[in-house]
C-alpha atoms as a PDB file:
ATOM      1  CA  MET A   1     -14.529  89.816 117.931  1.00  0.00           C
ATOM      2  CA  LEU A   2     -11.043  89.092 116.939  1.00  0.00           C
ATOM      3  CA  SER A   3     -10.517  85.474 115.575  1.00  0.00           C
ATOM      4  CA  ASN A   4      -7.992  83.320 117.354  1.00  0.00           C
ATOM      5  CA  GLU A   5      -7.074  81.724 114.115  1.00  0.00           C
ATOM      6  CA  PRO A   6      -3.605  82.654 112.781  1.00  0.00           C
ATOM      7  CA  MET A   7      -3.700  84.936 109.684  1.00  0.00           C
ATOM      8  CA  GLU A   8      -2.192  83.641 106.601  1.00  0.00           C
ATOM      9  CA  ARG A   9       0.655  85.721 105.146  1.00  0.00           C
ATOM     10  CA  PRO A  10       0.253  86.580 101.593  1.00  0.00           C
ATOM     11  CA  MET A  11       2.560  84.603  99.259  1.00  0.00           C
ATOM     12  CA  LYS A  12       5.398  86.856  98.130  1.00  0.00           C
ATOM     13  CA  ARG A  13       5.570  86.793  94.390  1.00  0.00           C
ATOM     14  CA  ASP A  14       8.889  86.052  92.586  1.00  0.00           C
ATOM     15  CA  ASP A  15      10.050  89.317  91.010  1.00  0.00           C
ATOM     16  CA  LEU A  16      13.015  87.553  89.228  1.00  0.00           C
ATOM     17  CA  SER A  17      15.504  89.763  91.047  1.00  0.00           C
ATOM     18  CA  ARG A  18      17.565  86.618  92.391  1.00  0.00           C
ATOM     19  CA  SER A  19      17.397  82.919  92.025  1.00  0.00           C
ATOM     20  CA  LEU A  20      15.374  80.766  94.259  1.00  0.00           C
ATOM     21  CA  VAL A  21      17.353  77.586  93.434  1.00  0.00           C
ATOM     22  CA  ALA A  22      20.608  76.606  95.403  1.00  0.00           C
ATOM     23  CA  PHE A  23      23.582  77.142  93.479  1.00  0.00           C
ATOM     24  CA  ASP A  24      26.417  74.475  93.370  1.00  0.00           C
ATOM     25  CA  GLN A  25      29.405  75.975  91.519  1.00  0.00           C
ATOM     26  CA  ASN A  26      31.151  72.641  91.275  1.00  0.00           C
ATOM     27  CA  SER A  27      28.341  71.027  89.328  1.00  0.00           C
ATOM     28  CA  THR A  28      27.054  73.954  87.270  1.00  0.00           C
ATOM     29  CA  LEU A  29      28.323  75.156  83.953  1.00  0.00           C
ATOM     30  CA  VAL A  30      27.602  78.787  83.570  1.00  0.00           C
ATOM     31  CA  ALA A  31      27.837  80.685  80.162  1.00  0.00           C
ATOM     32  CA  VAL A  32      26.854  84.254  79.203  1.00  0.00           C
ATOM     33  CA  VAL A  33      26.420  85.397  75.613  1.00  0.00           C
ATOM     34  CA  GLU A  34      26.967  88.821  74.287  1.00  0.00           C
ATOM     35  CA  LEU A  35      24.614  88.868  71.402  1.00  0.00           C
ATOM     36  CA  GLY A  36      25.618  90.717  68.218  1.00  0.00           C
ATOM     37  CA  ILE A  37      24.219  91.012  64.797  1.00  0.00           C
ATOM     38  CA  LYS A  38      27.304  89.326  63.001  1.00  0.00           C
ATOM     39  CA  THR A  39      28.907  87.585  66.010  1.00  0.00           C
ATOM     40  CA  TRP A  40      28.273  86.048  69.346  1.00  0.00           C
ATOM     41  CA  LEU A  41      30.797  86.371  72.126  1.00  0.00           C
ATOM     42  CA  VAL A  42      30.282  83.543  74.544  1.00  0.00           C
ATOM     43  CA  GLY A  43      31.945  83.506  78.040  1.00  0.00           C
ATOM     44  CA  GLY A  44      31.950  80.433  80.331  1.00  0.00           C
ATOM     45  CA  LEU A  45      32.650  79.180  83.838  1.00  0.00           C
ATOM     46  CA  VAL A  46      33.658  75.531  83.661  1.00  0.00           C
ATOM     47  CA  PRO A  47      33.988  73.626  86.884  1.00  0.00           C
ATOM     48  CA  GLY A  48      37.529  72.167  87.180  1.00  0.00           C
ATOM     49  CA  VAL A  49      39.005  74.592  84.476  1.00  0.00           C
ATOM     50  CA  ASN A  50      41.133  77.375  85.954  1.00  0.00           C
ATOM     51  CA  ARG A  51      40.822  79.613  82.853  1.00  0.00           C
ATOM     52  CA  GLN A  52      37.420  81.316  81.915  1.00  0.00           C
ATOM     53  CA  PRO A  53      36.973  80.471  78.297  1.00  0.00           C
ATOM     54  CA  LEU A  54      35.910  83.106  75.856  1.00  0.00           C
ATOM     55  CA  LYS A  55      34.732  82.178  72.330  1.00  0.00           C
ATOM     56  CA  LYS A  56      33.624  84.337  69.443  1.00  0.00           C
ATOM     57  CA  GLN A  57      31.519  82.504  67.057  1.00  0.00           C
ATOM     58  CA  LYS A  58      28.819  83.081  64.316  1.00  0.00           C
ATOM     59  CA  PRO A  59      25.211  83.700  65.500  1.00  0.00           C
ATOM     60  CA  ASP A  60      24.085  80.156  65.163  1.00  0.00           C
ATOM     61  CA  PRO A  61      22.291  78.244  68.115  1.00  0.00           C
ATOM     62  CA  ASP A  62      23.679  74.827  66.962  1.00  0.00           C
ATOM     63  CA  SER A  63      27.378  76.174  67.277  1.00  0.00           C
ATOM     64  CA  LEU A  64      26.366  77.445  70.819  1.00  0.00           C
ATOM     65  CA  LEU A  65      24.985  74.115  71.727  1.00  0.00           C
ATOM     66  CA  ALA A  66      28.106  72.323  70.337  1.00  0.00           C
ATOM     67  CA  LEU A  67      30.426  74.774  72.390  1.00  0.00           C
ATOM     68  CA  LEU A  68      28.421  74.087  75.746  1.00  0.00           C
ATOM     69  CA  ALA A  69      28.796  70.218  75.039  1.00  0.00           C
ATOM     70  CA  ARG A  70      32.556  70.819  74.552  1.00  0.00           C
ATOM     71  CA  TRP A  71      32.859  72.728  77.877  1.00  0.00           C
ATOM     72  CA  ARG A  72      30.823  70.115  79.519  1.00  0.00           C
ATOM     73  CA  GLY A  73      33.199  67.477  78.321  1.00  0.00           C
ATOM     74  CA  GLU A  74      36.188  69.448  79.621  1.00  0.00           C
ATOM     75  CA  ALA A  75      34.474  69.530  83.047  1.00  0.00           C
ATOM     76  CA  ILE A  76      33.826  65.862  83.070  1.00  0.00           C
ATOM     77  CA  LYS A  77      37.430  65.208  82.136  1.00  0.00           C
ATOM     78  CA  ALA A  78      38.509  67.312  85.145  1.00  0.00           C
ATOM     79  CA  GLY A  79      36.562  65.151  87.463  1.00  0.00           C
ATOM     80  CA  HIS A  80      33.387  67.149  87.785  1.00  0.00           C
ATOM     81  CA  THR A  81      29.857  65.961  87.161  1.00  0.00           C
ATOM     82  CA  ILE A  82      27.727  68.551  85.512  1.00  0.00           C
ATOM     83  CA  ASN A  83      24.173  68.467  86.643  1.00  0.00           C
ATOM     84  CA  ARG A  84      23.063  71.898  85.485  1.00  0.00           C
ATOM     85  CA  VAL A  85      23.845  74.115  82.536  1.00  0.00           C
ATOM     86  CA  VAL A  86      22.912  77.773  82.791  1.00  0.00           C
ATOM     87  CA  VAL A  87      23.009  80.148  79.802  1.00  0.00           C
ATOM     88  CA  ALA A  88      22.143  83.909  80.156  1.00  0.00           C
ATOM     89  CA  PHE A  89      22.173  86.886  77.868  1.00  0.00           C
ATOM     90  CA  GLU A  90      20.678  90.412  77.792  1.00  0.00           C
ATOM     91  CA  ALA A  91      17.335  91.115  76.166  1.00  0.00           C
ATOM     92  CA  GLY A  92      17.882  92.762  72.802  1.00  0.00           C
ATOM     93  CA  TYR A  93      17.252  92.411  69.105  1.00  0.00           C
ATOM     94  CA  ASP A  94      17.188  88.586  69.241  1.00  0.00           C
ATOM     95  CA  GLY A  95      14.097  88.665  71.545  1.00  0.00           C
ATOM     96  CA  PHE A  96      13.306  85.476  73.337  1.00  0.00           C
ATOM     97  CA  TRP A  97      13.395  82.857  70.728  1.00  0.00           C
ATOM     98  CA  LEU A  98      17.047  81.785  71.713  1.00  0.00           C
ATOM     99  CA  ALA A  99      15.931  81.227  75.440  1.00  0.00           C
ATOM    100  CA  ARG A 100      12.929  79.125  74.334  1.00  0.00           C
ATOM    101  CA  TRP A 101      15.092  77.129  71.782  1.00  0.00           C
ATOM    102  CA  LEU A 102      17.761  76.469  74.614  1.00  0.00           C
ATOM    103  CA  ARG A 103      14.985  75.433  77.266  1.00  0.00           C
ATOM    104  CA  ALA A 104      13.416  72.930  74.729  1.00  0.00           C
ATOM    105  CA  ARG A 105      16.741  71.168  74.663  1.00  0.00           C
ATOM    106  CA  GLY A 106      17.125  71.022  78.602  1.00  0.00           C
ATOM    107  CA  ILE A 107      19.251  73.969  79.078  1.00  0.00           C
ATOM    108  CA  GLU A 108      18.426  76.572  81.740  1.00  0.00           C
ATOM    109  CA  ALA A 109      18.239  79.935  79.794  1.00  0.00           C
ATOM    110  CA  TYR A 110      17.576  83.229  81.302  1.00  0.00           C
ATOM    111  CA  VAL A 111      17.085  86.780  79.706  1.00  0.00           C
ATOM    112  CA  ILE A 112      18.701  89.566  81.724  1.00  0.00           C
ATOM    113  CA  HIS A 113      16.918  92.897  82.090  1.00  0.00           C
ATOM    114  CA  PRO A 114      19.371  95.357  80.536  1.00  0.00           C
ATOM    115  CA  THR A 115      18.780  98.243  82.866  1.00  0.00           C
ATOM    116  CA  SER A 116      19.197  96.020  85.919  1.00  0.00           C
ATOM    117  CA  ILE A 117      22.886  95.637  85.730  1.00  0.00           C
ATOM    118  CA  PRO A 118      24.840  98.268  87.610  1.00  0.00           C
ATOM    119  CA  VAL A 119      27.470  99.792  85.465  1.00  0.00           C
ATOM    120  CA  SER A 120      30.035 102.564  85.979  1.00  0.00           C
ATOM    121  CA  ARG A 121      28.802 106.029  85.100  1.00  0.00           C
ATOM    122  CA  GLU A 122      32.225 107.409  84.109  1.00  0.00           C
ATOM    123  CA  GLN A 123      32.104 109.055  80.740  1.00  0.00           C
ATOM    124  CA  ARG A 124      35.354 107.601  79.378  1.00  0.00           C
ATOM    125  CA  ARG A 125      35.082 104.145  80.713  1.00  0.00           C
ATOM    126  CA  ALA A 126      36.175 101.337  78.462  1.00  0.00           C
ATOM    127  CA  LYS A 127      33.225  99.481  76.671  1.00  0.00           C
ATOM    128  CA  THR A 128      34.117  96.270  74.563  1.00  0.00           C
ATOM    129  CA  ASP A 129      32.270  92.956  74.193  1.00  0.00           C
ATOM    130  CA  ARG A 130      35.010  91.258  76.295  1.00  0.00           C
ATOM    131  CA  LEU A 131      34.428  93.606  79.229  1.00  0.00           C
ATOM    132  CA  ASP A 132      30.690  93.360  78.679  1.00  0.00           C
ATOM    133  CA  THR A 133      30.799  89.570  78.839  1.00  0.00           C
ATOM    134  CA  ALA A 134      32.799  89.811  82.132  1.00  0.00           C
ATOM    135  CA  LEU A 135      30.186  92.139  83.587  1.00  0.00           C
ATOM    136  CA  LEU A 136      27.351  89.730  82.709  1.00  0.00           C
ATOM    137  CA  MET A 137      29.237  86.934  84.229  1.00  0.00           C
ATOM    138  CA  ARG A 138      29.616  88.659  87.588  1.00  0.00           C
ATOM    139  CA  ALA A 139      25.899  89.636  87.621  1.00  0.00           C
ATOM    140  CA  VAL A 140      24.785  86.191  86.719  1.00  0.00           C
ATOM    141  CA  LEU A 141      26.816  84.622  89.342  1.00  0.00           C
ATOM    142  CA  GLY A 142      25.593  86.928  91.994  1.00  0.00           C
ATOM    143  CA  TRP A 143      21.934  86.310  90.716  1.00  0.00           C
ATOM    144  CA  LEU A 144      22.442  82.448  90.960  1.00  0.00           C
ATOM    145  CA  ARG A 145      23.828  82.813  94.547  1.00  0.00           C
ATOM    146  CA  GLY A 146      20.564  84.433  95.570  1.00  0.00           C
ATOM    147  CA  GLU A 147      22.275  87.770  96.247  1.00  0.00           C
ATOM    148  CA  PRO A 148      20.037  90.819  95.600  1.00  0.00           C
ATOM    149  CA  LYS A 149      20.737  93.903  93.499  1.00  0.00           C
ATOM    150  CA  HIS A 150      22.932  92.045  90.921  1.00  0.00           C
ATOM    151  CA  CYS A 151      20.489  91.782  88.101  1.00  0.00           C
ATOM    152  CA  SER A 152      17.005  90.900  87.256  1.00  0.00           C
ATOM    153  CA  MET A 153      15.637  88.472  84.827  1.00  0.00           C
ATOM    154  CA  VAL A 154      12.981  88.894  82.311  1.00  0.00           C
ATOM    155  CA  ALA A 155       9.936  86.483  82.150  1.00  0.00           C
ATOM    156  CA  ILE A 156      10.311  84.491  79.004  1.00  0.00           C
ATOM    157  CA  PRO A 157       6.964  84.676  77.081  1.00  0.00           C
ATOM    158  CA  THR A 158       5.676  81.863  74.735  1.00  0.00           C
ATOM    159  CA  LEU A 159       5.499  82.425  71.008  1.00  0.00           C
ATOM    160  CA  ALA A 160       1.787  83.236  71.274  1.00  0.00           C
ATOM    161  CA  GLU A 161       2.117  85.567  74.210  1.00  0.00           C
ATOM    162  CA  GLU A 162       4.983  87.484  72.251  1.00  0.00           C
ATOM    163  CA  ASP A 163       2.918  87.600  69.192  1.00  0.00           C
ATOM    164  CA  ALA A 164       0.012  89.031  71.177  1.00  0.00           C
ATOM    165  CA  ARG A 165       2.067  92.111  72.091  1.00  0.00           C
ATOM    166  CA  ARG A 166       2.621  93.093  68.411  1.00  0.00           C
ATOM    167  CA  PRO A 167      -0.706  94.939  67.918  1.00  0.00           C
ATOM    168  CA  HIS A 168      -0.128  97.220  70.717  1.00  0.00           C
ATOM    169  CA  ARG A 169       3.539  97.909  69.992  1.00  0.00           C
ATOM    170  CA  GLU A 170       2.685  98.493  66.343  1.00  0.00           C
ATOM    171  CA  ARG A 171       0.038 100.915  67.461  1.00  0.00           C
ATOM    172  CA  GLU A 172       2.549 102.725  69.778  1.00  0.00           C
ATOM    173  CA  THR A 173       4.953 103.155  66.795  1.00  0.00           C
ATOM    174  CA  LEU A 174       2.331 104.305  64.483  1.00  0.00           C
ATOM    175  CA  VAL A 175       1.097 107.039  67.156  1.00  0.00           C
ATOM    176  CA  LYS A 176       4.625 108.302  67.433  1.00  0.00           C
ATOM    177  CA  GLU A 177       5.077 108.424  63.788  1.00  0.00           C
ATOM    178  CA  GLN A 178       1.696 110.366  63.520  1.00  0.00           C
ATOM    179  CA  THR A 179       2.870 112.944  66.149  1.00  0.00           C
ATOM    180  CA  ARG A 180       6.291 113.340  64.259  1.00  0.00           C
ATOM    181  CA  VAL A 181       4.508 113.974  60.877  1.00  0.00           C
ATOM    182  CA  VAL A 182       1.993 116.510  62.517  1.00  0.00           C
ATOM    183  CA  ASN A 183       4.743 118.382  64.331  1.00  0.00           C
ATOM    184  CA  ARG A 184       6.801 118.593  61.049  1.00  0.00           C
ATOM    185  CA  MET A 185       3.886 119.963  59.249  1.00  0.00           C
ATOM    186  CA  LYS A 186       3.220 122.601  62.052  1.00  0.00           C
ATOM    187  CA  ALA A 187       6.875 123.662  62.032  1.00  0.00           C
ATOM    188  CA  THR A 188       6.588 124.125  58.198  1.00  0.00           C
ATOM    189  CA  LEU A 189       3.660 126.297  58.423  1.00  0.00           C
ATOM    190  CA  VAL A 190       5.217 128.387  61.186  1.00  0.00           C
ATOM    191  CA  ARG A 191       8.063 129.211  58.907  1.00  0.00           C
ATOM    192  CA  PHE A 192       5.551 131.112  56.677  1.00  0.00           C
ATOM    193  CA  GLY A 193       3.815 132.720  59.759  1.00  0.00           C
ATOM    194  CA  ILE A 194       0.908 130.377  59.863  1.00  0.00           C
ATOM    195  CA  ARG A 195       0.207 129.116  63.375  1.00  0.00           C
ATOM    196  CA  ASN A 196      -3.478 128.489  63.909  1.00  0.00           C
ATOM    197  CA  PHE A 197      -4.040 125.856  61.025  1.00  0.00           C
ATOM    198  CA  LYS A 198      -5.212 122.505  62.097  1.00  0.00           C
ATOM    199  CA  VAL A 199      -3.447 120.077  60.058  1.00  0.00           C
ATOM    200  CA  LYS A 200      -5.580 117.102  61.419  1.00  0.00           C
ATOM    201  CA  LEU A 201      -8.657 118.331  59.609  1.00  0.00           C
ATOM    202  CA  ARG A 202     -10.270 115.801  57.048  1.00  0.00           C
ATOM    203  CA  ASN A 203     -10.285 118.293  54.354  1.00  0.00           C
ATOM    204  CA  ALA A 204      -6.988 119.984  55.256  1.00  0.00           C
ATOM    205  CA  ALA A 205      -5.495 119.369  51.799  1.00  0.00           C
ATOM    206  CA  SER A 206      -8.119 121.519  50.118  1.00  0.00           C
ATOM    207  CA  HIS A 207      -7.725 124.396  52.829  1.00  0.00           C
ATOM    208  CA  LEU A 208      -4.004 124.441  52.233  1.00  0.00           C
ATOM    209  CA  GLU A 209      -4.319 125.251  48.667  1.00  0.00           C
ATOM    210  CA  LYS A 210      -6.234 128.356  49.413  1.00  0.00           C
ATOM    211  CA  LEU A 211      -4.451 129.328  52.687  1.00  0.00           C
ATOM    212  CA  PRO A 212      -2.783 132.834  52.658  1.00  0.00           C
ATOM    213  CA  GLY A 213      -0.021 133.754  55.028  1.00  0.00           C
ATOM    214  CA  PRO A 214       0.412 137.113  56.933  1.00  0.00           C
ATOM    215  CA  GLU A 215       1.998 138.457  53.767  1.00  0.00           C
ATOM    216  CA  GLY A 216      -1.135 137.868  51.825  1.00  0.00           C
ATOM    217  CA  GLU A 217       0.498 135.264  49.534  1.00  0.00           C
ATOM    218  CA  LEU A 218      -0.347 131.569  49.117  1.00  0.00           C
ATOM    219  CA  LEU A 219       2.164 128.778  50.095  1.00  0.00           C
ATOM    220  CA  PRO A 220       4.957 128.334  47.556  1.00  0.00           C
ATOM    221  CA  PRO A 221       4.392 125.271  45.256  1.00  0.00           C
ATOM    222  CA  ASN A 222       7.349 123.101  46.560  1.00  0.00           C
ATOM    223  CA  THR A 223       6.196 123.795  50.141  1.00  0.00           C
ATOM    224  CA  LEU A 224       2.633 122.978  49.371  1.00  0.00           C
ATOM    225  CA  ALA A 225       3.472 119.817  47.619  1.00  0.00           C
ATOM    226  CA  GLU A 226       5.603 118.690  50.721  1.00  0.00           C
ATOM    227  CA  LEU A 227       2.703 119.463  52.899  1.00  0.00           C
ATOM    228  CA  LEU A 228       0.199 117.572  50.712  1.00  0.00           C
ATOM    229  CA  ARG A 229       2.536 114.541  50.817  1.00  0.00           C
ATOM    230  CA  HIS A 230       2.737 114.743  54.507  1.00  0.00           C
ATOM    231  CA  ILE A 231      -1.213 114.725  54.622  1.00  0.00           C
ATOM    232  CA  ALA A 232      -1.362 111.640  52.525  1.00  0.00           C
ATOM    233  CA  TRP A 233       1.160 109.889  54.805  1.00  0.00           C
ATOM    234  CA  LEU A 234      -0.756 111.014  57.838  1.00  0.00           C
ATOM    235  CA  ARG A 235      -4.030 109.560  56.273  1.00  0.00           C
ATOM    236  CA  MET A 236      -2.399 106.280  55.715  1.00  0.00           C
ATOM    237  CA  ILE A 237      -1.061 106.151  59.308  1.00  0.00           C
ATOM    238  CA  ARG A 238      -4.525 106.829  60.689  1.00  0.00           C
ATOM    239  CA  GLU A 239      -5.925 104.018  58.507  1.00  0.00           C
ATOM    240  CA  GLN A 240      -3.476 101.534  59.890  1.00  0.00           C
ATOM    241  CA  ILE A 241      -4.271 102.494  63.486  1.00  0.00           C
ATOM    242  CA  TRP A 242      -7.908 102.329  62.804  1.00  0.00           C
ATOM    243  CA  ALA A 243      -7.395  98.794  61.378  1.00  0.00           C
ATOM    244  CA  ILE A 244      -5.489  97.572  64.466  1.00  0.00           C
ATOM    245  CA  GLU A 245      -8.116  98.821  66.830  1.00  0.00           C
ATOM    246  CA  ILE A 246     -10.884  97.322  64.816  1.00  0.00           C
ATOM    247  CA  ALA A 247      -9.060  93.923  64.855  1.00  0.00           C
ATOM    248  CA  ARG A 248      -8.465  94.172  68.576  1.00  0.00           C
ATOM    249  CA  LEU A 249     -12.130  94.802  69.261  1.00  0.00           C
ATOM    250  CA  GLN A 250     -13.088  91.837  66.974  1.00  0.00           C
ATOM    251  CA  HIS A 251     -10.745  89.705  68.801  1.00  0.00           C
ATOM    252  CA  LEU A 252     -12.219  90.728  72.262  1.00  0.00           C
ATOM    253  CA  LYS A 253     -15.785  90.128  70.984  1.00  0.00           C
ATOM    254  CA  GLY A 254     -14.905  86.684  69.759  1.00  0.00           C
ATOM    255  CA  ALA A 255     -13.395  85.778  73.246  1.00  0.00           C
ATOM    256  CA  PRO A 256     -15.493  83.967  75.779  1.00  0.00           C
ATOM    257  CA  HIS A 257     -18.065  85.871  77.878  1.00  0.00           C
ATOM    258  CA  GLN A 258     -16.772  87.962  80.867  1.00  0.00           C
ATOM    259  CA  GLY A 259     -18.375  85.874  83.533  1.00  0.00           C
ATOM    260  CA  THR A 260     -17.148  82.524  82.394  1.00  0.00           C
ATOM    261  CA  HIS A 261     -13.614  82.960  81.235  1.00  0.00           C
ATOM    262  CA  PRO A 262     -10.947  83.677  84.087  1.00  0.00           C
ATOM    263  CA  MET A 263      -8.768  85.575  81.706  1.00  0.00           C
ATOM    264  CA  MET A 264     -11.653  87.810  80.621  1.00  0.00           C
ATOM    265  CA  GLN A 265     -12.599  88.514  84.204  1.00  0.00           C
ATOM    266  CA  MET A 266      -8.936  89.577  84.985  1.00  0.00           C
ATOM    267  CA  LEU A 267      -8.869  91.636  81.831  1.00  0.00           C
ATOM    268  CA  HIS A 268     -12.063  93.729  82.644  1.00  0.00           C
ATOM    269  CA  ARG A 269     -10.989  94.018  86.441  1.00  0.00           C
ATOM    270  CA  ARG A 270      -7.703  95.421  85.545  1.00  0.00           C
ATOM    271  CA  ALA A 271      -9.293  97.974  83.130  1.00  0.00           C
ATOM    272  CA  TRP A 272     -11.760  99.034  85.723  1.00  0.00           C
ATOM    273  CA  ILE A 273      -9.148  99.446  88.640  1.00  0.00           C
ATOM    274  CA  MET A 274      -6.498 101.226  86.560  1.00  0.00           C
ATOM    275  CA  GLY A 275      -8.997 103.311  84.657  1.00  0.00           C
ATOM    276  CA  ILE A 276      -7.758 102.263  81.307  1.00  0.00           C
ATOM    277  CA  GLY A 277      -9.254 100.766  78.123  1.00  0.00           C
ATOM    278  CA  ILE A 278      -9.497  97.052  77.151  1.00  0.00           C
ATOM    279  CA  GLY A 279      -6.492  97.499  74.767  1.00  0.00           C
ATOM    280  CA  PRO A 280      -3.825  98.475  77.331  1.00  0.00           C
ATOM    281  CA  ALA A 281      -5.378  95.944  79.839  1.00  0.00           C
ATOM    282  CA  GLN A 282      -5.086  93.236  77.379  1.00  0.00           C
ATOM    283  CA  HIS A 283      -1.524  93.966  76.563  1.00  0.00           C
ATOM    284  CA  ARG A 284      -0.429  94.069  80.358  1.00  0.00           C
ATOM    285  CA  THR A 285      -2.499  91.173  81.701  1.00  0.00           C
ATOM    286  CA  PRO A 286      -0.625  88.214  80.087  1.00  0.00           C
ATOM    287  CA  SER A 287       2.872  89.373  81.077  1.00  0.00           C
ATOM    288  CA  SER A 288       1.914  90.099  84.654  1.00  0.00           C
ATOM    289  CA  VAL A 289      -0.032  86.808  85.012  1.00  0.00           C
ATOM    290  CA  ARG A 290       2.989  84.961  83.486  1.00  0.00           C
ATOM    291  CA  ALA A 291       5.769  86.596  85.465  1.00  0.00           C
ATOM    292  CA  GLY A 292       4.047  86.833  88.701  1.00  0.00           C
ATOM    293  CA  ALA A 293       5.988  90.049  89.288  1.00  0.00           C
ATOM    294  CA  ARG A 294       5.043  93.125  91.116  1.00  0.00           C
ATOM    295  CA  GLU A 295       4.274  96.105  88.700  1.00  0.00           C
ATOM    296  CA  THR A 296       6.234  99.122  89.834  1.00  0.00           C
ATOM    297  CA  SER A 297       6.015 101.160  86.660  1.00  0.00           C
ATOM    298  CA  CYS A 298       4.122 104.368  87.002  1.00  0.00           C
ATOM    299  CA  ALA A 299       3.709 104.594  83.232  1.00  0.00           C
ATOM    300  CA  ASP A 300       0.999 102.003  83.489  1.00  0.00           C
ATOM    301  CA  PHE A 301      -1.179 104.441  85.116  1.00  0.00           C
ATOM    302  CA  GLY A 302      -0.605 107.149  82.414  1.00  0.00           C
ATOM    303  CA  VAL A 303      -2.341 105.490  79.622  1.00  0.00           C
ATOM    304  CA  GLY A 304      -5.462 107.193  78.347  1.00  0.00           C
ATOM    305  CA  VAL A 305      -8.702 105.433  77.541  1.00  0.00           C
ATOM    306  CA  TRP A 306      -9.113 103.867  74.141  1.00  0.00           C
ATOM    307  CA  ASP A 307     -12.134 104.716  71.902  1.00  0.00           C
ATOM    308  CA  PHE A 308     -14.397 101.639  71.849  1.00  0.00           C
ATOM    309  CA  ASN A 309     -15.834 102.817  68.619  1.00  0.00           C
ATOM    310  CA  PRO A 310     -12.735 104.026  66.576  1.00  0.00           C
ATOM    311  CA  LYS A 311     -13.402 106.009  63.431  1.00  0.00           C
ATOM    312  CA  PRO A 312     -10.823 107.231  60.992  1.00  0.00           C
ATOM    313  CA  GLU A 313     -10.654 111.037  60.904  1.00  0.00           C
END
């Protein structure tokens, strides 16, 4: 039988593609920052000021805070009460520390997803920090007004959550480096007509010294020395990958039991549903819980199962 009770609609998660707070431009100071290694270019939209100020300064958060205070004073002098200060910048080398630092001081700080801003695809378009700042300002204003398809914000992690990502990302970097070293060794052997040698063997170094090519001669001494150095580097990379995996497993074993801790329940549930190992599930669970965003990346489903008993080769 069908129930007469109205069905509850599932709550739509905030995907950070637009602001859910009403935007009053007359009482909001908006600033965007083009972060650089040596300088920061800060652009502002100050209520009551006709010009859009643009200031290049050294990469110092205290100087940025002083600049915002000065612009706020100009708005107050023009007869506007500032109830909200918004600062936005693209995610880059500086990470999320600046957003956390600003939020701790009562400023609304947002980190823009770099690929969410629509840009011109013309090959010869002009690109300067000044033009990029103006583009960021237009995107942020559209986002604050609640208009879709302007830009998307990135969920700002805590310091602990950001640090929890490091083992997984370090392992990804090491795996890529391992692939690069193996491909270079194979390319070196192919130049001498050797195609079927397995460079990942544990005793590959001793086999290389006695490996003849199609011409019946052994590898030249300089080439052999190069390959032996690659093998030593490959062995060190594998040891580092193994150390990261062992540390991850020890961390999971030290966590509360699966049946009592909510995070562990979600961790094992995601690992079972997505068909991935505990490692990738642990990397993805905190960010999805924190952001409450829909996961649309197909790359999440292309991760292989991790070895639960890793051993160095």
